[in-house]
């Protein structure tokens, strides 16, 4: 029997973990779920905690990680262990929701570790699939960006489109050479430029108002996503050593200071103020990105 099949069987057989617990999640139970009357059973949660502990320490998947010696796998398994300990502490303190969320994150992190410890051919196939999925997302975002820019007759669209298509072309070359890890990194750059460009086009005009936010809090979460996208694009540029100039850093510092103020306002439920501060923060990030050589509207 080949290694991937052995690994899969071991995961399915390990203490009934997959059958006994809900699907992995990285966030606490939602308000909607609580309103629906879903309750966390302490006895079941205790059993799940024990099962995940066995999964982390004595399963064939754990042995696969140990034998692989892959740094990424070992680091993720260590993180899964930390989350498991935190889940037990929360359970002992009677905080069932927190314990359940931490346990789910521990299990999910462990499965990430297993993926990094998987045989090379399995990892390679996943890298290829990840690249193809992200390529589809970039193509969809690029199409939407062109449509919205036509509606607004926006300036600088050709520069942004050229940046996105440049990343897509470079990624295609790497994918053709079966270098899917590098291709994914390149296509991620195009994805972030496309998403940042699209959300910037929609900011502050009738198009964003047409989204019909039910509350200011909902609009705040939209602006958080927009700000996070620009933050991620900046990180890519920093990694590429394109965002190292003094002017770029000045814009970044101002943007980060405004983001901190926005988070503080949101913690006080002052969402009107938080939205305004987030818009100002993102505008500073747009200036930083432009000065780093990537044109996006905003």
C-alpha atoms as a PDB file:
ATOM      1  CA  UNK A   1       0.000   0.000   0.000  1.00  0.00           C
ATOM      2  CA  UNK A   2       1.468   3.411  -0.920  1.00  0.00           C
ATOM      3  CA  UNK A   3       2.309   6.009   1.726  1.00  0.00           C
ATOM      4  CA  UNK A   4      -0.522   8.467   0.943  1.00  0.00           C
ATOM      5  CA  UNK A   5      -3.104   5.712   1.367  1.00  0.00           C
ATOM      6  CA  UNK A   6      -1.522   4.525   4.624  1.00  0.00           C
ATOM      7  CA  UNK A   7      -1.557   8.095   5.894  1.00  0.00           C
ATOM      8  CA  UNK A   8      -5.191   8.607   4.972  1.00  0.00           C
ATOM      9  CA  UNK A   9      -6.260   5.367   6.642  1.00  0.00           C
ATOM     10  CA  UNK A  10      -4.354   6.257   9.787  1.00  0.00           C
ATOM     11  CA  UNK A  11      -6.060   9.646  10.001  1.00  0.00           C
ATOM     12  CA  UNK A  12      -9.484   8.086   9.594  1.00  0.00           C
ATOM     13  CA  UNK A  13      -8.738   5.367  12.134  1.00  0.00           C
ATOM     14  CA  UNK A  14      -7.076   7.499  14.800  1.00  0.00           C
ATOM     15  CA  UNK A  15      -9.402   7.316  17.778  1.00  0.00           C
ATOM     16  CA  UNK A  16     -12.434   8.147  15.671  1.00  0.00           C
ATOM     17  CA  UNK A  17     -11.349  11.786  15.645  1.00  0.00           C
ATOM     18  CA  UNK A  18     -12.809  12.712  12.308  1.00  0.00           C
ATOM     19  CA  UNK A  19     -16.117  11.032  13.025  1.00  0.00           C
ATOM     20  CA  UNK A  20     -16.465  12.456  16.531  1.00  0.00           C
ATOM     21  CA  UNK A  21     -15.688  16.121  15.953  1.00  0.00           C
ATOM     22  CA  UNK A  22     -17.144  18.911  13.825  1.00  0.00           C
ATOM     23  CA  UNK A  23     -15.313  20.117  10.684  1.00  0.00           C
ATOM     24  CA  UNK A  24     -12.149  22.153  11.349  1.00  0.00           C
ATOM     25  CA  UNK A  25     -12.679  25.842  11.992  1.00  0.00           C
ATOM     26  CA  UNK A  26     -10.325  28.651  12.955  1.00  0.00           C
ATOM     27  CA  UNK A  27     -12.898  30.939  14.550  1.00  0.00           C
ATOM     28  CA  UNK A  28     -15.263  30.643  17.539  1.00  0.00           C
ATOM     29  CA  UNK A  29     -18.863  29.564  17.167  1.00  0.00           C
ATOM     30  CA  UNK A  30     -20.808  32.223  15.285  1.00  0.00           C
ATOM     31  CA  UNK A  31     -23.633  34.260  16.732  1.00  0.00           C
ATOM     32  CA  UNK A  32     -25.977  32.690  14.210  1.00  0.00           C
ATOM     33  CA  UNK A  33     -25.085  29.224  15.456  1.00  0.00           C
ATOM     34  CA  UNK A  34     -25.681  30.217  19.052  1.00  0.00           C
ATOM     35  CA  UNK A  35     -29.033  31.744  18.163  1.00  0.00           C
ATOM     36  CA  UNK A  36     -29.928  28.535  16.377  1.00  0.00           C
ATOM     37  CA  UNK A  37     -29.570  26.794  19.714  1.00  0.00           C
ATOM     38  CA  UNK A  38     -26.397  24.819  19.037  1.00  0.00           C
ATOM     39  CA  UNK A  39     -24.795  23.804  22.344  1.00  0.00           C
ATOM     40  CA  UNK A  40     -21.347  22.434  23.061  1.00  0.00           C
ATOM     41  CA  UNK A  41     -21.490  19.188  24.991  1.00  0.00           C
ATOM     42  CA  UNK A  42     -18.796  19.097  27.686  1.00  0.00           C
ATOM     43  CA  UNK A  43     -18.590  15.296  27.760  1.00  0.00           C
ATOM     44  CA  UNK A  44     -18.185  15.086  23.990  1.00  0.00           C
ATOM     45  CA  UNK A  45     -15.677  17.930  24.025  1.00  0.00           C
ATOM     46  CA  UNK A  46     -13.624  16.135  26.692  1.00  0.00           C
ATOM     47  CA  UNK A  47     -13.628  12.989  24.554  1.00  0.00           C
ATOM     48  CA  UNK A  48     -12.606  14.998  21.494  1.00  0.00           C
ATOM     49  CA  UNK A  49      -9.754  16.586  23.434  1.00  0.00           C
ATOM     50  CA  UNK A  50      -8.422  13.144  24.320  1.00  0.00           C
ATOM     51  CA  UNK A  51      -8.770  11.909  20.736  1.00  0.00           C
ATOM     52  CA  UNK A  52      -6.935  14.899  19.292  1.00  0.00           C
ATOM     53  CA  UNK A  53      -4.200  14.388  21.880  1.00  0.00           C
ATOM     54  CA  UNK A  54      -3.702  10.840  20.598  1.00  0.00           C
ATOM     55  CA  UNK A  55      -3.738  12.125  17.027  1.00  0.00           C
ATOM     56  CA  UNK A  56      -0.960  14.600  17.833  1.00  0.00           C
ATOM     57  CA  UNK A  57       1.255  12.184  19.711  1.00  0.00           C
ATOM     58  CA  UNK A  58       0.732   8.528  18.831  1.00  0.00           C
ATOM     59  CA  UNK A  59      -0.963   8.251  15.443  1.00  0.00           C
ATOM     60  CA  UNK A  60       0.771   7.052  12.301  1.00  0.00           C
ATOM     61  CA  UNK A  61       0.351  10.606  11.014  1.00  0.00           C
ATOM     62  CA  UNK A  62       2.391  11.864  13.994  1.00  0.00           C
ATOM     63  CA  UNK A  63       5.054   9.255  13.218  1.00  0.00           C
ATOM     64  CA  UNK A  64       5.042  10.407   9.594  1.00  0.00           C
ATOM     65  CA  UNK A  65       5.823  13.943  10.765  1.00  0.00           C
ATOM     66  CA  UNK A  66       8.618  12.692  13.046  1.00  0.00           C
ATOM     67  CA  UNK A  67      10.215  10.651  10.268  1.00  0.00           C
ATOM     68  CA  UNK A  68       9.928  13.407   7.672  1.00  0.00           C
ATOM     69  CA  UNK A  69      11.990  15.884   9.724  1.00  0.00           C
ATOM     70  CA  UNK A  70      10.398  18.607   7.560  1.00  0.00           C
ATOM     71  CA  UNK A  71      10.827  21.939   9.422  1.00  0.00           C
ATOM     72  CA  UNK A  72       7.403  23.235   8.334  1.00  0.00           C
ATOM     73  CA  UNK A  73       5.735  20.050   9.533  1.00  0.00           C
ATOM     74  CA  UNK A  74       7.537  20.055  12.874  1.00  0.00           C
ATOM     75  CA  UNK A  75       6.719  23.716  13.523  1.00  0.00           C
ATOM     76  CA  UNK A  76       3.049  23.198  12.790  1.00  0.00           C
ATOM     77  CA  UNK A  77       2.849  20.114  14.967  1.00  0.00           C
ATOM     78  CA  UNK A  78       4.434  22.120  17.826  1.00  0.00           C
ATOM     79  CA  UNK A  79       1.831  24.847  17.278  1.00  0.00           C
ATOM     80  CA  UNK A  80      -0.944  22.234  17.276  1.00  0.00           C
ATOM     81  CA  UNK A  81       0.363  20.973  20.625  1.00  0.00           C
ATOM     82  CA  UNK A  82       0.297  24.504  22.073  1.00  0.00           C
ATOM     83  CA  UNK A  83      -3.286  24.974  20.911  1.00  0.00           C
ATOM     84  CA  UNK A  84      -4.243  21.599  22.396  1.00  0.00           C
ATOM     85  CA  UNK A  85      -2.834  22.621  25.791  1.00  0.00           C
ATOM     86  CA  UNK A  86      -4.691  25.940  25.575  1.00  0.00           C
ATOM     87  CA  UNK A  87      -7.913  24.090  24.714  1.00  0.00           C
ATOM     88  CA  UNK A  88      -7.535  21.881  27.796  1.00  0.00           C
ATOM     89  CA  UNK A  89      -6.942  24.950  29.967  1.00  0.00           C
ATOM     90  CA  UNK A  90     -10.074  26.622  28.600  1.00  0.00           C
ATOM     91  CA  UNK A  91     -12.071  23.437  29.200  1.00  0.00           C
ATOM     92  CA  UNK A  92     -10.811  23.219  32.778  1.00  0.00           C
ATOM     93  CA  UNK A  93     -11.908  26.828  33.279  1.00  0.00           C
ATOM     94  CA  UNK A  94     -15.377  26.018  31.968  1.00  0.00           C
ATOM     95  CA  UNK A  95     -15.066  28.107  28.778  1.00  0.00           C
ATOM     96  CA  UNK A  96     -16.501  25.529  26.375  1.00  0.00           C
ATOM     97  CA  UNK A  97     -16.759  27.806  23.331  1.00  0.00           C
ATOM     98  CA  UNK A  98     -13.114  28.838  23.587  1.00  0.00           C
ATOM     99  CA  UNK A  99     -12.016  25.254  24.200  1.00  0.00           C
ATOM    100  CA  UNK A 100     -13.957  24.021  21.167  1.00  0.00           C
ATOM    101  CA  UNK A 101     -12.501  26.718  18.911  1.00  0.00           C
ATOM    102  CA  UNK A 102      -8.932  26.075  20.099  1.00  0.00           C
ATOM    103  CA  UNK A 103      -9.350  22.329  19.690  1.00  0.00           C
ATOM    104  CA  UNK A 104     -10.608  22.750  16.135  1.00  0.00           C
ATOM    105  CA  UNK A 105      -7.658  25.024  15.350  1.00  0.00           C
ATOM    106  CA  UNK A 106      -5.263  22.493  16.885  1.00  0.00           C
ATOM    107  CA  UNK A 107      -6.649  19.716  14.704  1.00  0.00           C
ATOM    108  CA  UNK A 108      -6.572  21.902  11.572  1.00  0.00           C
ATOM    109  CA  UNK A 109      -2.977  22.964  12.282  1.00  0.00           C
ATOM    110  CA  UNK A 110      -1.967  19.335  12.737  1.00  0.00           C
ATOM    111  CA  UNK A 111      -3.444  18.431   9.363  1.00  0.00           C
ATOM    112  CA  UNK A 112      -1.374  21.239   7.857  1.00  0.00           C
ATOM    113  CA  UNK A 113       1.658  19.618   9.461  1.00  0.00           C
ATOM    114  CA  UNK A 114       0.731  16.279   7.921  1.00  0.00           C
ATOM    115  CA  UNK A 115       0.442  17.917   4.512  1.00  0.00           C
ATOM    116  CA  UNK A 116       3.971  19.296   4.810  1.00  0.00           C
ATOM    117  CA  UNK A 117       5.210  15.860   5.852  1.00  0.00           C
ATOM    118  CA  UNK A 118       3.380  14.058   3.037  1.00  0.00           C
ATOM    119  CA  UNK A 119       5.264  12.295   0.267  1.00  0.00           C
ATOM    120  CA  UNK A 120       6.672  14.626  -2.349  1.00  0.00           C
ATOM    121  CA  UNK A 121       4.240  13.648  -5.090  1.00  0.00           C
ATOM    122  CA  UNK A 122       1.243  14.430  -2.881  1.00  0.00           C
ATOM    123  CA  UNK A 123       2.607  17.856  -1.949  1.00  0.00           C
ATOM    124  CA  UNK A 124       3.445  18.617  -5.573  1.00  0.00           C
ATOM    125  CA  UNK A 125      -0.107  17.835  -6.692  1.00  0.00           C
ATOM    126  CA  UNK A 126      -1.555  20.081  -4.008  1.00  0.00           C
ATOM    127  CA  UNK A 127       0.759  22.918  -5.042  1.00  0.00           C
ATOM    128  CA  UNK A 128      -0.457  22.522  -8.607  1.00  0.00           C
ATOM    129  CA  UNK A 129      -4.121  22.548  -7.543  1.00  0.00           C
ATOM    130  CA  UNK A 130      -3.574  25.568  -5.298  1.00  0.00           C
ATOM    131  CA  UNK A 131      -1.962  27.430  -8.172  1.00  0.00           C
ATOM    132  CA  UNK A 132      -4.812  26.622 -10.567  1.00  0.00           C
ATOM    133  CA  UNK A 133      -7.461  27.691  -8.054  1.00  0.00           C
ATOM    134  CA  UNK A 134      -5.722  30.994  -7.401  1.00  0.00           C
ATOM    135  CA  UNK A 135      -5.344  31.528 -11.161  1.00  0.00           C
ATOM    136  CA  UNK A 136      -9.134  31.184 -11.540  1.00  0.00           C
ATOM    137  CA  UNK A 137      -9.615  33.755  -8.782  1.00  0.00           C
ATOM    138  CA  UNK A 138      -7.249  36.221 -10.448  1.00  0.00           C
ATOM    139  CA  UNK A 139      -9.011  35.814 -13.784  1.00  0.00           C
ATOM    140  CA  UNK A 140     -12.387  36.476 -12.145  1.00  0.00           C
ATOM    141  CA  UNK A 141     -11.089  39.524 -10.251  1.00  0.00           C
ATOM    142  CA  UNK A 142      -9.438  40.908 -13.367  1.00  0.00           C
ATOM    143  CA  UNK A 143     -12.705  40.606 -15.281  1.00  0.00           C
ATOM    144  CA  UNK A 144     -14.597  42.352 -12.476  1.00  0.00           C
ATOM    145  CA  UNK A 145     -11.934  45.065 -12.257  1.00  0.00           C
ATOM    146  CA  UNK A 146     -12.263  45.833 -15.968  1.00  0.00           C
ATOM    147  CA  UNK A 147     -16.066  45.982 -15.727  1.00  0.00           C
ATOM    148  CA  UNK A 148     -16.087  48.329 -12.738  1.00  0.00           C
ATOM    149  CA  UNK A 149     -13.387  50.545 -14.255  1.00  0.00           C
ATOM    150  CA  UNK A 150     -15.498  50.869 -17.407  1.00  0.00           C
ATOM    151  CA  UNK A 151     -18.474  51.962 -15.299  1.00  0.00           C
ATOM    152  CA  UNK A 152     -16.398  54.661 -13.628  1.00  0.00           C
ATOM    153  CA  UNK A 153     -14.157  55.597 -16.561  1.00  0.00           C
ATOM    154  CA  UNK A 154     -11.342  55.334 -14.032  1.00  0.00           C
ATOM    155  CA  UNK A 155      -7.836  56.585 -14.706  1.00  0.00           C
ATOM    156  CA  UNK A 156      -4.754  54.383 -14.492  1.00  0.00           C
ATOM    157  CA  UNK A 157      -6.643  51.192 -15.265  1.00  0.00           C
ATOM    158  CA  UNK A 158      -4.224  50.131 -17.997  1.00  0.00           C
ATOM    159  CA  UNK A 159      -1.279  50.306 -15.549  1.00  0.00           C
ATOM    160  CA  UNK A 160      -3.051  48.113 -13.021  1.00  0.00           C
ATOM    161  CA  UNK A 161      -4.171  45.625 -15.659  1.00  0.00           C
ATOM    162  CA  UNK A 162      -0.607  45.455 -16.975  1.00  0.00           C
ATOM    163  CA  UNK A 163       0.686  44.634 -13.481  1.00  0.00           C
ATOM    164  CA  UNK A 164      -1.849  41.848 -13.049  1.00  0.00           C
ATOM    165  CA  UNK A 165      -1.227  40.360 -16.499  1.00  0.00           C
ATOM    166  CA  UNK A 166       2.527  40.535 -15.940  1.00  0.00           C
ATOM    167  CA  UNK A 167       2.165  38.392 -12.804  1.00  0.00           C
ATOM    168  CA  UNK A 168      -0.129  35.967 -14.614  1.00  0.00           C
ATOM    169  CA  UNK A 169       2.351  35.593 -17.491  1.00  0.00           C
ATOM    170  CA  UNK A 170       5.319  35.051 -15.153  1.00  0.00           C
ATOM    171  CA  UNK A 171       3.333  32.498 -13.154  1.00  0.00           C
ATOM    172  CA  UNK A 172       2.365  30.659 -16.334  1.00  0.00           C
ATOM    173  CA  UNK A 173       6.035  30.270 -17.290  1.00  0.00           C
ATOM    174  CA  UNK A 174       6.884  28.867 -13.859  1.00  0.00           C
ATOM    175  CA  UNK A 175       3.884  26.520 -13.940  1.00  0.00           C
ATOM    176  CA  UNK A 176       4.953  25.237 -17.347  1.00  0.00           C
ATOM    177  CA  UNK A 177       8.306  24.369 -15.738  1.00  0.00           C
ATOM    178  CA  UNK A 178       6.403  22.552 -12.947  1.00  0.00           C
ATOM    179  CA  UNK A 179       7.619  25.107 -10.406  1.00  0.00           C
ATOM    180  CA  UNK A 180       4.214  25.435  -8.789  1.00  0.00           C
ATOM    181  CA  UNK A 181       5.413  26.840  -5.464  1.00  0.00           C
ATOM    182  CA  UNK A 182       7.078  29.742  -7.258  1.00  0.00           C
ATOM    183  CA  UNK A 183       4.121  30.062  -9.642  1.00  0.00           C
ATOM    184  CA  UNK A 184       1.737  30.341  -6.688  1.00  0.00           C
ATOM    185  CA  UNK A 185       3.853  33.113  -5.152  1.00  0.00           C
ATOM    186  CA  UNK A 186       3.779  35.022  -8.428  1.00  0.00           C
ATOM    187  CA  UNK A 187       0.060  34.560  -9.027  1.00  0.00           C
ATOM    188  CA  UNK A 188      -0.614  35.642  -5.419  1.00  0.00           C
ATOM    189  CA  UNK A 189       0.961  38.989  -6.276  1.00  0.00           C
ATOM    190  CA  UNK A 190      -1.432  39.396  -9.199  1.00  0.00           C
ATOM    191  CA  UNK A 191      -4.352  38.359  -6.987  1.00  0.00           C
ATOM    192  CA  UNK A 192      -3.581  41.001  -4.380  1.00  0.00           C
ATOM    193  CA  UNK A 193      -3.103  43.745  -6.976  1.00  0.00           C
ATOM    194  CA  UNK A 194      -6.430  42.794  -8.595  1.00  0.00           C
ATOM    195  CA  UNK A 195      -8.321  42.656  -5.302  1.00  0.00           C
ATOM    196  CA  UNK A 196      -6.792  45.882  -3.992  1.00  0.00           C
ATOM    197  CA  UNK A 197      -7.497  47.616  -7.290  1.00  0.00           C
ATOM    198  CA  UNK A 198     -11.101  46.455  -7.393  1.00  0.00           C
ATOM    199  CA  UNK A 199     -11.914  47.438  -3.817  1.00  0.00           C
ATOM    200  CA  UNK A 200     -10.203  50.811  -4.272  1.00  0.00           C
ATOM    201  CA  UNK A 201     -12.357  51.514  -7.321  1.00  0.00           C
ATOM    202  CA  UNK A 202     -15.439  50.805  -5.243  1.00  0.00           C
ATOM    203  CA  UNK A 203     -14.381  52.934  -2.295  1.00  0.00           C
ATOM    204  CA  UNK A 204     -16.067  56.184  -1.421  1.00  0.00           C
ATOM    205  CA  UNK A 205     -18.632  56.443  -4.207  1.00  0.00           C
ATOM    206  CA  UNK A 206     -22.058  55.229  -5.313  1.00  0.00           C
ATOM    207  CA  UNK A 207     -20.702  51.770  -6.086  1.00  0.00           C
ATOM    208  CA  UNK A 208     -19.738  51.056  -2.491  1.00  0.00           C
ATOM    209  CA  UNK A 209     -23.035  52.506  -1.281  1.00  0.00           C
ATOM    210  CA  UNK A 210     -24.827  50.139  -3.633  1.00  0.00           C
ATOM    211  CA  UNK A 211     -23.554  47.270  -1.476  1.00  0.00           C
ATOM    212  CA  UNK A 212     -26.336  48.261   0.945  1.00  0.00           C
ATOM    213  CA  UNK A 213     -24.599  47.647   4.269  1.00  0.00           C
ATOM    214  CA  UNK A 214     -27.203  46.756   6.879  1.00  0.00           C
ATOM    215  CA  UNK A 215     -25.208  48.448   9.657  1.00  0.00           C
ATOM    216  CA  UNK A 216     -22.060  50.502  10.127  1.00  0.00           C
ATOM    217  CA  UNK A 217     -20.528  47.438  11.764  1.00  0.00           C
ATOM    218  CA  UNK A 218     -21.028  45.483   8.533  1.00  0.00           C
ATOM    219  CA  UNK A 219     -19.377  48.294   6.563  1.00  0.00           C
ATOM    220  CA  UNK A 220     -16.531  48.271   9.095  1.00  0.00           C
ATOM    221  CA  UNK A 221     -15.861  44.580   8.393  1.00  0.00           C
ATOM    222  CA  UNK A 222     -15.857  45.315   4.649  1.00  0.00           C
ATOM    223  CA  UNK A 223     -13.270  48.055   5.211  1.00  0.00           C
ATOM    224  CA  UNK A 224     -11.208  45.717   7.433  1.00  0.00           C
ATOM    225  CA  UNK A 225     -10.993  43.225   4.560  1.00  0.00           C
ATOM    226  CA  UNK A 226      -9.998  46.013   2.180  1.00  0.00           C
ATOM    227  CA  UNK A 227      -7.306  47.266   4.555  1.00  0.00           C
ATOM    228  CA  UNK A 228      -5.996  43.736   5.142  1.00  0.00           C
ATOM    229  CA  UNK A 229      -5.696  43.167   1.383  1.00  0.00           C
ATOM    230  CA  UNK A 230      -3.510  46.253   1.030  1.00  0.00           C
ATOM    231  CA  UNK A 231      -1.462  45.180   4.058  1.00  0.00           C
ATOM    232  CA  UNK A 232      -0.812  41.794   2.435  1.00  0.00           C
ATOM    233  CA  UNK A 233       0.208  43.432  -0.842  1.00  0.00           C
ATOM    234  CA  UNK A 234       2.641  45.657   1.061  1.00  0.00           C
ATOM    235  CA  UNK A 235       4.135  42.558   2.697  1.00  0.00           C
ATOM    236  CA  UNK A 236       4.734  41.017  -0.727  1.00  0.00           C
ATOM    237  CA  UNK A 237       6.457  44.199  -1.857  1.00  0.00           C
ATOM    238  CA  UNK A 238       8.563  44.306   1.316  1.00  0.00           C
ATOM    239  CA  UNK A 239       9.615  40.700   0.741  1.00  0.00           C
ATOM    240  CA  UNK A 240      10.574  41.683  -2.811  1.00  0.00           C
ATOM    241  CA  UNK A 241      12.540  44.633  -1.378  1.00  0.00           C
ATOM    242  CA  UNK A 242      10.450  47.085  -3.379  1.00  0.00           C
ATOM    243  CA  UNK A 243       8.932  48.861  -0.378  1.00  0.00           C
ATOM    244  CA  UNK A 244      12.080  50.038   1.380  1.00  0.00           C
ATOM    245  CA  UNK A 245      12.211  53.770   0.547  1.00  0.00           C
ATOM    246  CA  UNK A 246      11.787  56.442   3.212  1.00  0.00           C
ATOM    247  CA  UNK A 247       8.618  57.843   1.634  1.00  0.00           C
ATOM    248  CA  UNK A 248       7.081  54.367   1.422  1.00  0.00           C
ATOM    249  CA  UNK A 249       7.891  53.719   5.068  1.00  0.00           C
ATOM    250  CA  UNK A 250       6.404  57.080   6.079  1.00  0.00           C
ATOM    251  CA  UNK A 251       3.106  56.221   4.375  1.00  0.00           C
ATOM    252  CA  UNK A 252       3.160  52.783   5.976  1.00  0.00           C
ATOM    253  CA  UNK A 253       3.744  54.191   9.462  1.00  0.00           C
ATOM    254  CA  UNK A 254       0.859  56.616   9.089  1.00  0.00           C
ATOM    255  CA  UNK A 255      -1.406  53.874   7.706  1.00  0.00           C
ATOM    256  CA  UNK A 256      -0.580  51.524  10.566  1.00  0.00           C
ATOM    257  CA  UNK A 257      -1.166  54.256  13.174  1.00  0.00           C
ATOM    258  CA  UNK A 258      -4.602  54.965  11.672  1.00  0.00           C
ATOM    259  CA  UNK A 259      -5.409  51.234  11.659  1.00  0.00           C
ATOM    260  CA  UNK A 260      -4.630  51.034  15.387  1.00  0.00           C
ATOM    261  CA  UNK A 261      -6.975  53.960  16.029  1.00  0.00           C
ATOM    262  CA  UNK A 262      -9.665  52.294  13.896  1.00  0.00           C
ATOM    263  CA  UNK A 263      -9.354  49.056  15.868  1.00  0.00           C
ATOM    264  CA  UNK A 264      -9.664  51.041  19.107  1.00  0.00           C
ATOM    265  CA  UNK A 265     -12.788  52.814  17.839  1.00  0.00           C
ATOM    266  CA  UNK A 266     -14.325  49.479  16.820  1.00  0.00           C
ATOM    267  CA  UNK A 267     -13.603  48.051  20.275  1.00  0.00           C
ATOM    268  CA  UNK A 268     -15.765  50.908  21.616  1.00  0.00           C
ATOM    269  CA  UNK A 269     -18.395  50.102  18.969  1.00  0.00           C
ATOM    270  CA  UNK A 270     -17.839  53.540  17.423  1.00  0.00           C
ATOM    271  CA  UNK A 271     -18.153  52.095  13.926  1.00  0.00           C
ATOM    272  CA  UNK A 272     -18.732  55.429  12.150  1.00  0.00           C
ATOM    273  CA  UNK A 273     -15.373  56.613  13.432  1.00  0.00           C
ATOM    274  CA  UNK A 274     -13.740  53.231  12.757  1.00  0.00           C
ATOM    275  CA  UNK A 275     -14.881  53.190   9.106  1.00  0.00           C
ATOM    276  CA  UNK A 276     -13.563  56.706   8.523  1.00  0.00           C
ATOM    277  CA  UNK A 277     -10.195  55.850  10.102  1.00  0.00           C
ATOM    278  CA  UNK A 278      -9.929  52.641   8.079  1.00  0.00           C
ATOM    279  CA  UNK A 279     -10.576  54.509   4.845  1.00  0.00           C
ATOM    280  CA  UNK A 280      -7.816  56.962   5.770  1.00  0.00           C
ATOM    281  CA  UNK A 281      -5.473  54.092   6.690  1.00  0.00           C
ATOM    282  CA  UNK A 282      -6.077  52.307   3.402  1.00  0.00           C
ATOM    283  CA  UNK A 283      -5.492  55.548   1.479  1.00  0.00           C
ATOM    284  CA  UNK A 284      -2.035  55.792   3.071  1.00  0.00           C
ATOM    285  CA  UNK A 285      -1.327  52.159   2.129  1.00  0.00           C
ATOM    286  CA  UNK A 286      -2.358  52.914  -1.470  1.00  0.00           C
ATOM    287  CA  UNK A 287       0.185  55.755  -1.539  1.00  0.00           C
ATOM    288  CA  UNK A 288       2.859  53.416  -0.183  1.00  0.00           C
ATOM    289  CA  UNK A 289       2.046  50.782  -2.799  1.00  0.00           C
ATOM    290  CA  UNK A 290       2.184  53.334  -5.609  1.00  0.00           C
ATOM    291  CA  UNK A 291       5.545  54.615  -4.397  1.00  0.00           C
ATOM    292  CA  UNK A 292       6.790  51.023  -4.378  1.00  0.00           C
ATOM    293  CA  UNK A 293       6.062  50.858  -8.117  1.00  0.00           C
ATOM    294  CA  UNK A 294       2.631  49.206  -8.241  1.00  0.00           C
ATOM    295  CA  UNK A 295      -0.170  51.415  -9.523  1.00  0.00           C
ATOM    296  CA  UNK A 296      -3.635  50.860  -8.081  1.00  0.00           C
ATOM    297  CA  UNK A 297      -6.492  53.372  -8.029  1.00  0.00           C
ATOM    298  CA  UNK A 298      -7.617  54.985  -4.824  1.00  0.00           C
END
